Structure formats: structure tokens, C-alpha cells
Protein backbone atom coordinates (compact mmCIF):
# COMPACT_ATOMS: atom_id res chain seq x y z
CA MET A 1 -44.27 78.86 171.79
CA PRO A 2 -41.39 76.53 171.01
CA ILE A 3 -40.77 75.86 174.73
CA VAL A 4 -43.53 75.77 177.32
CA PHE A 5 -42.22 76.06 180.87
CA LYS A 6 -44.21 74.06 183.37
CA ARG A 7 -43.52 73.74 187.09
CA ASN A 8 -40.37 71.61 186.80
CA ARG A 9 -40.39 70.65 183.12
CA ALA A 10 -39.53 72.40 179.89
CA VAL A 11 -41.73 71.05 177.10
CA PHE A 12 -40.25 71.55 173.63
CA GLN A 13 -42.88 71.87 170.91
CA GLY A 14 -41.86 71.94 167.27
CA GLY A 15 -38.62 73.77 166.65
CA ALA A 16 -36.58 75.59 169.28
CA GLY A 17 -34.41 78.26 167.69
CA VAL A 18 -31.51 80.30 168.97
CA GLU A 19 -33.96 82.88 170.33
CA GLU A 20 -35.09 80.47 173.05
CA ALA A 21 -31.64 79.63 174.43
CA GLU A 22 -31.29 82.57 176.82
CA GLY A 23 -34.74 82.06 178.34
CA LEU A 24 -34.09 78.34 178.69
CA LEU A 25 -30.79 79.01 180.45
CA GLU A 26 -32.35 81.48 182.90
CA TRP A 27 -35.21 79.09 183.66
CA LEU A 28 -32.87 76.12 184.22
CA GLN A 29 -30.59 78.15 186.48
CA LYS A 30 -33.56 78.66 188.82
CA ARG A 31 -34.58 74.98 188.59
CA PRO A 32 -31.49 72.75 188.63
CA THR A 33 -33.58 69.58 188.97
CA ALA A 34 -35.89 70.40 186.05
CA LYS A 35 -36.26 67.98 183.16
CA ALA A 36 -36.80 68.47 179.46
CA ASP A 37 -39.60 66.85 177.50
CA LEU A 38 -38.40 66.62 173.89
CA SER A 39 -41.13 64.30 172.60
CA ALA A 40 -42.74 66.91 170.31
CA CYS A 41 -39.46 68.58 169.34
CA ASN A 42 -38.59 68.41 165.65
CA HIS A 43 -35.65 70.85 165.58
CA LEU A 44 -33.25 71.97 168.30
CA HIS A 45 -30.79 74.76 167.63
CA THR A 46 -27.32 73.92 168.92
CA ALA A 47 -27.49 76.86 171.36
CA ASN A 48 -30.32 75.06 173.16
CA LEU A 49 -28.38 71.80 173.04
CA GLN A 50 -25.43 73.55 174.67
CA VAL A 51 -27.69 74.91 177.42
CA LEU A 52 -29.12 71.45 178.11
CA MET A 53 -25.65 69.90 178.12
CA THR A 54 -24.13 72.55 180.39
CA ALA A 55 -27.03 72.41 182.84
CA LYS A 56 -26.91 68.59 182.76
CA THR A 57 -30.66 68.61 182.31
CA GLY A 58 -32.42 65.30 182.64
CA ILE A 59 -34.63 64.20 179.76
CA SER A 60 -38.12 63.00 180.63
CA SER A 61 -39.05 62.13 177.02
CA TRP A 62 -36.90 61.84 173.90
CA PRO A 63 -37.98 63.16 170.49
CA GLU A 64 -40.37 61.01 168.49
CA ASP A 65 -38.32 61.95 165.41
CA ILE A 66 -35.80 59.09 165.33
CA GLU A 67 -33.13 61.05 163.45
CA LEU A 68 -33.27 63.91 165.95
CA ARG A 69 -33.21 61.46 168.83
CA ALA A 70 -30.17 59.70 167.33
CA TRP A 71 -28.38 63.06 167.21
CA LEU A 72 -29.41 64.28 170.70
CA GLU A 73 -29.31 61.17 172.85
CA PRO A 74 -25.53 60.57 172.75
CA ALA A 75 -24.78 64.23 173.39
CA LEU A 76 -27.18 64.60 176.30
CA LYS A 77 -26.40 61.24 177.89
CA ALA A 78 -22.65 61.97 177.83
CA GLY A 79 -23.02 64.26 180.85
CA GLU A 80 -24.84 61.69 183.00
């Protein structure tokens, strides 16, 4: 599974494609204080990025992949 939903944390594992965006949105709508753990994420489809940005989801861990982190961090911190 590209995203594992824990109690109040969405853990991204590997690549999260467009197929995961709707489930992520529904899960975040029910948990507005949830955080995302992107440490093991190596690809994030822009649909998922849009969901995270719109929901203003906090990030508990940034991707270990420095190029992905450099792309995501400015976009997701802009809403803080």
C-alpha cells in the first residue's frame, strides 16, 4: 500500500499515485489534525500534493529523498 493510514497519521511508503488521492482526501476530512509521514515516500503524484496543500496537513517527517523534499517542502510549508 502506498499510504498506510494509522490513527492520526498517514504514512506514505514508496510512490503515491493519483489512485490514492481520493482516499487520502476522505481520510483527512475526517481527521483535520492528522499529519503526514513522508519519510519513505519516493514519488508523490500532484493530486496527492494538492490534497495535502488544501487540507493544510502537517508533516511529521519529510522525505529522505533530498530532491523530493526540495520540491515538496516549499509547497507544503506555504500554507502554514
